[in-house]
Structures are given as structure tokens and as C-alpha cells.
Amino acid sequence: MSYFILIITPLIIYFVSEFFKKNYILLNYTGDTHQKFTSKDKIPLTGGLFIFIFFSFFFHTQIYLIIFITLVFLLGIFSDLKIFNSPKIRLLVQLFILFFLIISSDLSLENTKIIVIDKLINMKFYNYCFVLFCLLILLNGTNFIDGLNTNVLGYYIIVSFFMFSLNREFFIENFDQWFLWILFLLILYLFNFFNKLFLGDSGSYVLGLIYGYLMIEFYKSTNFVSSLFIVVLVWYPCFELLFSIIRKFRFNKSPIFADTKHFHQLLFLNIKKSFKFSNLKSNLISASIINLFNLFIIFLASLYPGNSQYQMLIIISTIIIYIWFYLTFFKRIFIKSHM
């Protein structure tokens, strides 16, 4: 049954997305900031709907997780429909949802093998707070990098593959149809690549929660993996968000203030300026470059997943490369162009 559903998935996605588009249901809004980085077509924000439905179908035994995914999905839908326009309200609702998920499922870390953090999380309250912070950053970081087509889906396909290759037993026991899930994400990737659907806030929130929860359980079940390897797996969405927050504080701006100075946006603007490509072509090339870079970084990390010193070297090197390119792109777009 699962294989049959997967086979007809492209048809389901196509017809549902076309229905939404023709009936002006859950469409993106031309004129929003993110629209500068794609075409001006009206695109249905149906990615979150498909992710929610297919995850619930493939992993229906994960009832507890699905309940909280439903809540996060609804929050994302309200955001996509412009009902929850306030970032503060969305953040507050996220805090409540994640807090109750952590408390009710006792989602905690036994250790990180990092002395300073382990001393802190020995106390249950601080353990929960640490997990809450991590999930919150990943959830919003995932939404943060969803400014380019395939940027989010490509990233999590890469993460899914490497996690599965490292500990198949974990997935066989808990998420037995994980291989079909990866194939489903690949199908969704193609629709996103050809500009037939967007994830929307609902899709980003759901993927962020799924993988945040999954990585905690994966880490607890994989004793040969360093906690810093998990950091490598989530470095990109989390660092993009944290770097943006620090940058905005540095210039006395609110961290929730929207701008076009994020790394993926600067890369897009540089490619568009250098090669005079269309918005959509520049969009896809930018996302492909980022995904290829992350594929390379995670591949290197997967060679010695249990070596914390090696993982730390990768993290530091990656951050240095990120900052160097960020400053280079920023200088070219926002300084040289005004000289």
C-alpha cells in the first residue's frame, strides 16, 4: 500500500496544487520580501500540507509526535494565511507547543559529552530548557532558510540520507519506512525545483520539528556518534538564524526585523548581478550551491562521526568559510554598489 501511494504521489501533488492555484487557496503573496528571490507567479503553499499528510501516513505509529506536528502545522497554516502576522505571537505559540512536547514526552538529553553542557543538563529543568532552545532555533532556522526553492528540502534530504546510512537499525525500529520518506521528499523537491509549490511556513515548521525530535532520539540511540556531529547536521539553518540575530543586535535592529541581508539572499543577489540570470534561475543556482556545500561538509563529518575534535574542526572551518563569503558578498552588494 505504501509503495502504491508513493507511486501516485506526483499525481496527488500535481492535482491538489493545481486545484489550490485555480481556486486561489493558500497562495503565496506577490509583493512580500521573499518574492524578490523567485518568479512573480502565484504559487500554492501546499508543501506543508503534503509533508504533514505523508509523514502521518508513513509513520502513523508515532502518534505522540504527530499530535504536536499537527499543532505546529496549524500554526504554520495560520501564518501562511496571514492570520498570525506577528512574529512575537508565532514565537509565543511555538514556545507553548514545544514546551508541552518536551514535558509530556520527557524529551531530554542524557549527555552531550561536552563537560560544561553536561553539568548544566544534569538538572531536569535546565535539560528541558536546553532542548527547548535547540528545537526553537531549528524550527525557526528552517523557516529562515526557506527563501530559495529547494534550499530546505535539499538540506533535509541530505541529512536524512546520512542519518539512515549511519544507523539503519534506529530507523527500522522506529521509522521503518524511512527510505520511502526520502523518496517522497525527492518528489516534493522536484515540484519545488520547477516552481510548482512552496513549503510555506507550515512546511518549514513541520520539517524543523520532525528533524529536531528525530535527531535527539537518533543521538540517544547511536552511541558511537559525537554530539558535535549532530551540530554539523543542523549547523546551516541554526547558524543562519543565530548569525542574523547577532548581526541585527550589532546594528541596533530588532531580531524579528525582516531584511534582505541573509547569506542565501546575498548569494542570490551576487549570482543575479554577475550573470544577469532571471530571478528563478538565480534562485535555483544559489540553492544548489548551498546544498552541494552542505553535502560536502556533512560527508566529511560522517567519515569520523564519533571524533569530537574532528567535528569541532569541521564546525569552526565551516563557520569561517561562511563568514568570509558573507562579508565578501555583502561588500559587493551593499558597499561597492553605493560607491
Protein backbone atom coordinates (compact mmCIF):
# COMPACT_ATOMS: atom_id res chain seq x y z
CA MET A 1 0.00 0.00 0.00
CA SER A 2 2.78 2.44 0.91
CA TYR A 3 4.59 1.82 -2.39
CA PHE A 4 1.37 2.37 -4.33
CA ILE A 5 0.76 5.66 -2.52
CA LEU A 6 4.32 6.74 -3.29
CA ILE A 7 3.88 5.88 -6.98
CA ILE A 8 0.77 8.04 -7.31
CA THR A 9 2.23 10.80 -5.11
CA PRO A 10 3.30 13.01 -8.08
CA LEU A 11 -0.28 12.92 -9.40
CA ILE A 12 -1.70 13.73 -5.98
CA ILE A 13 0.68 16.66 -5.52
CA TYR A 14 0.05 17.98 -9.03
CA PHE A 15 -3.75 17.90 -8.97
CA VAL A 16 -4.10 19.19 -5.40
CA SER A 17 -1.66 22.05 -6.06
CA GLU A 18 -3.43 22.95 -9.32
CA PHE A 19 -6.78 22.90 -7.54
CA PHE A 20 -5.45 25.27 -4.87
CA LYS A 21 -3.94 27.53 -7.52
CA LYS A 22 -7.08 27.75 -9.67
CA ASN A 23 -9.28 28.42 -6.66
CA TYR A 24 -6.88 30.95 -5.09
CA ILE A 25 -6.46 28.85 -1.95
CA LEU A 26 -3.31 29.19 0.17
CA LEU A 27 -1.31 31.03 -2.49
CA ASN A 28 1.89 32.93 -1.87
CA TYR A 29 1.57 36.70 -1.85
CA THR A 30 3.46 38.59 -4.53
CA GLY A 31 4.99 41.66 -3.00
CA ASP A 32 6.34 40.00 0.13
CA THR A 33 10.09 40.32 0.70
CA HIS A 34 10.81 36.72 -0.27
CA GLN A 35 9.16 37.26 -3.66
CA LYS A 36 12.23 39.15 -4.83
CA PHE A 37 14.07 35.84 -4.94
CA THR A 38 11.73 33.86 -7.19
CA SER A 39 9.25 34.47 -10.00
CA LYS A 40 6.19 36.69 -9.67
CA ASP A 41 3.81 33.79 -10.31
CA LYS A 42 1.20 32.84 -7.77
CA ILE A 43 2.46 29.59 -6.26
CA PRO A 44 0.42 27.40 -3.86
CA LEU A 45 1.89 26.94 -0.37
CA THR A 46 0.93 23.26 -0.33
CA GLY A 47 4.30 21.78 0.66
CA GLY A 48 3.45 21.80 4.36
CA LEU A 49 0.14 20.05 3.73
CA PHE A 50 1.80 17.20 1.84
CA ILE A 51 4.61 16.83 4.38
CA PHE A 52 2.10 16.67 7.23
CA ILE A 53 -0.16 14.12 5.48
CA PHE A 54 2.61 11.85 4.23
CA PHE A 55 4.53 11.83 7.50
CA SER A 56 1.33 10.94 9.35
CA PHE A 57 0.69 8.16 6.83
CA PHE A 58 4.18 6.65 6.72
CA PHE A 59 4.76 6.86 10.49
CA HIS A 60 1.24 6.55 11.92
CA THR A 61 2.60 4.66 14.94
CA GLN A 62 4.36 7.86 16.10
CA ILE A 63 1.05 9.14 17.46
CA TYR A 64 2.53 11.40 20.12
CA LEU A 65 4.84 13.15 17.68
CA ILE A 66 2.06 13.52 15.11
CA ILE A 67 -0.15 15.33 17.66
CA PHE A 68 2.45 18.06 18.13
CA ILE A 69 3.30 18.14 14.42
CA THR A 70 -0.40 18.85 13.85
CA LEU A 71 -0.25 21.84 16.19
CA VAL A 72 2.88 23.21 14.53
CA PHE A 73 1.34 22.62 11.10
CA LEU A 74 -1.78 24.59 12.06
CA LEU A 75 0.39 27.42 13.38
CA GLY A 76 2.20 27.48 10.03
CA ILE A 77 -1.09 27.49 8.10
CA PHE A 78 -2.34 30.45 10.14
CA SER A 79 0.92 32.21 9.31
CA ASP A 80 0.63 31.38 5.59
CA LEU A 81 -2.94 32.71 5.60
CA LYS A 82 -1.68 35.92 7.25
CA ILE A 83 -3.87 35.29 10.30
CA PHE A 84 -0.81 35.24 12.59
CA ASN A 85 1.22 38.08 11.12
CA SER A 86 3.02 38.89 14.34
CA PRO A 87 6.38 37.05 14.74
CA LYS A 88 6.05 37.55 18.50
CA ILE A 89 2.73 35.69 18.62
CA ARG A 90 4.10 32.86 16.49
CA LEU A 91 7.17 32.60 18.72
CA LEU A 92 5.00 32.50 21.84
CA VAL A 93 2.78 29.75 20.41
CA GLN A 94 5.87 27.78 19.36
CA LEU A 95 7.20 28.02 22.92
CA PHE A 96 3.98 26.57 24.32
CA ILE A 97 3.81 23.74 21.78
CA LEU A 98 7.45 22.74 22.18
CA PHE A 99 7.32 23.09 25.97
CA PHE A 100 4.40 20.65 26.25
CA LEU A 101 6.02 18.26 23.76
CA ILE A 102 9.22 18.18 25.82
CA ILE A 103 7.47 17.83 29.19
CA SER A 104 4.87 15.26 28.14
CA SER A 105 7.32 13.04 26.21
CA ASP A 106 10.27 13.64 28.55
CA LEU A 107 12.30 14.72 25.54
CA SER A 108 15.69 15.25 27.13
CA LEU A 109 19.38 14.56 26.66
CA GLU A 110 21.25 12.16 28.93
CA ASN A 111 24.57 13.73 27.97
CA THR A 112 26.28 15.64 25.22
CA LYS A 113 29.82 14.55 26.09
CA ILE A 114 30.60 18.26 26.47
CA ILE A 115 31.52 18.84 30.13
CA VAL A 116 30.12 22.37 30.51
CA ILE A 117 26.75 21.49 28.96
CA ASP A 118 26.51 18.14 30.77
CA LYS A 119 26.91 19.84 34.14
CA LEU A 120 24.03 22.12 33.24
CA ILE A 121 21.64 19.49 31.90
CA ASN A 122 22.10 17.24 34.93
CA MET A 123 19.23 19.26 36.36
CA LYS A 124 15.96 18.32 34.67
CA PHE A 125 14.71 21.89 34.37
CA TYR A 126 17.84 23.09 32.58
CA ASN A 127 17.82 19.96 30.43
CA TYR A 128 14.32 20.80 29.22
CA CYS A 129 15.30 24.46 28.69
CA PHE A 130 18.31 23.42 26.61
CA VAL A 131 16.22 21.10 24.42
CA LEU A 132 13.55 23.79 24.08
CA PHE A 133 16.17 26.31 22.93
CA CYS A 134 17.62 23.85 20.39
CA LEU A 135 14.21 22.97 18.92
CA LEU A 136 13.17 26.61 18.78
CA ILE A 137 16.32 27.59 16.89
CA LEU A 138 15.99 24.70 14.43
CA LEU A 139 12.28 25.33 13.83
CA ASN A 140 12.79 29.00 13.02
CA GLY A 141 16.13 28.42 11.32
CA THR A 142 14.43 26.02 8.91
CA ASN A 143 11.82 28.65 8.12
CA PHE A 144 14.58 31.24 7.86
CA ILE A 145 16.45 29.48 5.03
CA ASP A 146 13.28 28.84 3.04
CA GLY A 147 13.93 31.89 0.86
CA LEU A 148 15.20 29.81 -2.06
CA ASN A 149 13.48 26.94 -3.85
CA THR A 150 14.84 23.52 -2.76
CA ASN A 151 17.07 25.06 -0.07
CA VAL A 152 15.17 23.41 2.79
CA LEU A 153 14.13 20.21 1.04
CA GLY A 154 17.60 19.64 -0.39
CA TYR A 155 19.15 20.14 3.02
CA TYR A 156 16.91 17.67 4.82
CA ILE A 157 17.22 15.07 2.06
CA ILE A 158 20.98 15.18 2.62
CA VAL A 159 20.55 14.92 6.41
CA SER A 160 18.04 12.06 6.02
CA PHE A 161 20.41 10.04 3.85
CA PHE A 162 23.43 10.33 6.14
CA MET A 163 21.45 9.60 9.30
CA PHE A 164 19.96 6.50 7.68
CA SER A 165 23.35 5.29 6.44
CA LEU A 166 24.88 5.65 9.92
CA ASN A 167 22.21 3.88 11.96
CA ARG A 168 19.71 1.88 9.93
CA GLU A 169 18.65 -0.10 12.99
CA PHE A 170 17.26 3.04 14.62
CA PHE A 171 15.05 3.77 11.61
CA ILE A 172 13.98 0.15 11.14
CA GLU A 173 12.83 0.06 14.74
CA ASN A 174 11.18 3.49 14.94
CA PHE A 175 10.67 4.83 11.41
CA ASP A 176 10.55 1.68 9.31
CA GLN A 177 9.53 3.41 6.07
CA TRP A 178 12.28 5.99 6.18
CA PHE A 179 13.55 5.11 2.71
CA LEU A 180 10.09 5.84 1.28
CA TRP A 181 10.09 9.11 3.20
CA ILE A 182 13.36 10.15 1.49
CA LEU A 183 11.83 9.30 -1.90
CA PHE A 184 8.77 11.37 -1.03
CA LEU A 185 11.00 14.36 -0.17
CA LEU A 186 12.77 13.91 -3.51
CA ILE A 187 9.41 14.10 -5.32
CA LEU A 188 8.50 17.22 -3.36
CA TYR A 189 11.96 18.62 -4.18
CA LEU A 190 11.25 18.31 -7.91
CA PHE A 191 7.92 20.15 -7.62
CA ASN A 192 9.66 22.87 -5.62
CA PHE A 193 12.51 22.99 -8.16
CA PHE A 194 10.10 23.59 -11.04
CA ASN A 195 8.29 26.30 -9.04
CA LYS A 196 5.05 24.32 -8.75
CA LEU A 197 4.73 24.63 -4.98
CA PHE A 198 6.33 26.27 -1.96
CA LEU A 199 6.73 24.83 1.53
CA GLY A 200 5.26 27.84 3.27
CA ASP A 201 5.72 28.43 6.99
CA SER A 202 3.70 25.28 7.64
CA GLY A 203 6.17 23.09 5.72
CA SER A 204 9.24 24.67 7.31
CA TYR A 205 7.83 24.40 10.84
CA VAL A 206 6.81 20.76 10.38
CA LEU A 207 10.18 19.74 8.92
CA GLY A 208 12.01 21.62 11.67
CA LEU A 209 10.06 19.82 14.39
CA ILE A 210 10.32 16.39 12.75
CA TYR A 211 14.08 16.59 12.39
CA GLY A 212 14.66 18.29 15.72
CA TYR A 213 12.82 15.49 17.54
CA LEU A 214 14.39 12.85 15.32
CA MET A 215 17.97 14.00 15.88
CA ILE A 216 17.59 13.94 19.65
CA GLU A 217 16.28 10.36 19.54
CA PHE A 218 18.87 9.41 16.91
CA TYR A 219 21.69 10.75 19.08
CA LYS A 220 20.42 8.90 22.16
CA SER A 221 20.25 5.66 20.15
CA THR A 222 23.61 6.00 18.38
CA ASN A 223 26.34 5.72 20.98
CA PHE A 224 29.21 5.99 18.50
CA VAL A 225 28.17 9.47 17.33
CA SER A 226 29.54 12.66 18.88
CA SER A 227 27.06 15.36 19.87
CA LEU A 228 29.09 17.70 17.66
CA PHE A 229 28.21 15.55 14.66
CA ILE A 230 24.56 16.41 15.35
CA VAL A 231 25.62 20.07 15.46
CA VAL A 232 27.12 19.63 11.98
CA LEU A 233 23.82 18.15 10.78
CA VAL A 234 21.90 21.25 11.86
CA TRP A 235 24.62 23.89 11.53
CA TYR A 236 23.26 25.64 8.44
CA PRO A 237 19.68 26.58 9.42
CA CYS A 238 20.72 27.26 13.03
CA PHE A 239 23.78 29.35 12.20
CA GLU A 240 21.95 31.37 9.52
CA LEU A 241 19.40 32.33 12.16
CA LEU A 242 21.85 32.97 15.01
CA PHE A 243 24.20 34.96 12.77
CA SER A 244 21.29 37.12 11.62
CA ILE A 245 20.20 37.78 15.22
CA ILE A 246 23.74 38.78 16.24
CA ARG A 247 24.11 40.98 13.15
CA LYS A 248 20.86 42.80 13.85
CA PHE A 249 21.75 43.36 17.50
CA ARG A 250 25.09 44.72 16.34
CA PHE A 251 23.30 47.37 14.28
CA ASN A 252 20.63 48.04 16.92
CA LYS A 253 17.82 46.41 14.96
CA SER A 254 15.13 44.09 16.21
CA PRO A 255 15.99 40.41 15.56
CA ILE A 256 12.48 39.96 14.11
CA PHE A 257 13.01 42.84 11.68
CA ALA A 258 12.93 41.43 8.12
CA ASP A 259 15.69 42.40 5.70
CA THR A 260 17.45 41.04 2.63
CA LYS A 261 20.91 40.66 4.10
CA HIS A 262 20.88 36.94 4.89
CA PHE A 263 23.56 34.69 3.39
CA HIS A 264 21.29 32.87 0.93
CA GLN A 265 19.85 36.20 -0.24
CA LEU A 266 23.30 37.76 -0.71
CA LEU A 267 24.40 34.72 -2.72
CA PHE A 268 21.29 35.09 -4.89
CA LEU A 269 21.94 38.80 -5.46
CA ASN A 270 25.60 38.18 -6.36
CA ILE A 271 24.73 35.45 -8.88
CA LYS A 272 21.99 37.57 -10.41
CA LYS A 273 24.29 40.60 -10.63
CA SER A 274 27.25 38.65 -12.04
CA PHE A 275 25.47 36.54 -14.66
CA LYS A 276 22.27 38.52 -15.35
CA PHE A 277 20.14 35.41 -14.86
CA SER A 278 16.40 35.52 -14.20
CA ASN A 279 15.19 35.51 -10.61
CA LEU A 280 14.14 31.86 -10.75
CA LYS A 281 17.37 30.68 -12.35
CA SER A 282 19.47 32.65 -9.87
CA ASN A 283 17.29 31.22 -7.10
CA LEU A 284 17.85 27.60 -8.12
CA ILE A 285 21.58 28.00 -8.75
CA SER A 286 22.03 29.63 -5.33
CA ALA A 287 20.15 26.84 -3.54
CA SER A 288 22.11 24.18 -5.46
CA ILE A 289 25.45 25.75 -4.46
CA ILE A 290 24.41 25.83 -0.80
CA ASN A 291 23.14 22.25 -0.89
CA LEU A 292 26.31 20.98 -2.58
CA PHE A 293 28.43 22.74 0.03
CA ASN A 294 26.38 21.22 2.86
CA LEU A 295 26.55 17.79 1.20
CA PHE A 296 30.34 18.07 1.19
CA ILE A 297 30.50 19.26 4.82
CA ILE A 298 28.19 16.52 6.14
CA PHE A 299 30.02 13.89 4.08
CA LEU A 300 33.30 14.91 5.69
CA ALA A 301 31.68 14.84 9.14
CA SER A 302 30.24 11.35 8.51
CA LEU A 303 33.73 9.90 7.93
CA TYR A 304 34.53 10.12 11.67
CA PRO A 305 31.16 10.79 13.39
CA GLY A 306 32.44 9.87 16.84
CA ASN A 307 35.54 12.08 16.86
CA SER A 308 34.58 15.31 18.65
CA GLN A 309 37.86 17.08 17.84
CA TYR A 310 37.38 16.31 14.15
CA GLN A 311 33.77 17.54 14.26
CA MET A 312 34.82 20.73 16.02
CA LEU A 313 37.42 21.37 13.31
CA ILE A 314 34.72 21.00 10.66
CA ILE A 315 32.34 23.33 12.52
CA ILE A 316 34.97 26.05 13.02
CA SER A 317 36.21 25.78 9.42
CA THR A 318 32.66 25.92 8.06
CA ILE A 319 31.78 28.99 10.11
CA ILE A 320 34.95 30.78 8.96
CA ILE A 321 34.12 30.00 5.32
CA TYR A 322 30.53 31.17 5.85
CA ILE A 323 31.59 34.49 7.41
CA TRP A 324 34.27 35.14 4.78
CA PHE A 325 31.83 34.63 1.91
CA TYR A 326 29.13 36.58 3.73
CA LEU A 327 31.37 39.62 4.15
CA THR A 328 32.56 39.34 0.53
CA PHE A 329 29.02 39.19 -0.83
CA PHE A 330 27.82 41.95 1.50
CA LYS A 331 30.64 44.25 0.46
CA ARG A 332 29.91 43.70 -3.22
CA ILE A 333 26.14 44.26 -2.99
CA PHE A 334 25.73 46.90 -0.29
CA ILE A 335 29.03 48.80 -0.29
CA LYS A 336 30.56 48.77 -3.78
CA SER A 337 27.18 49.28 -5.43
CA HIS A 338 26.78 52.54 -3.48
CA MET A 339 30.25 53.89 -4.18
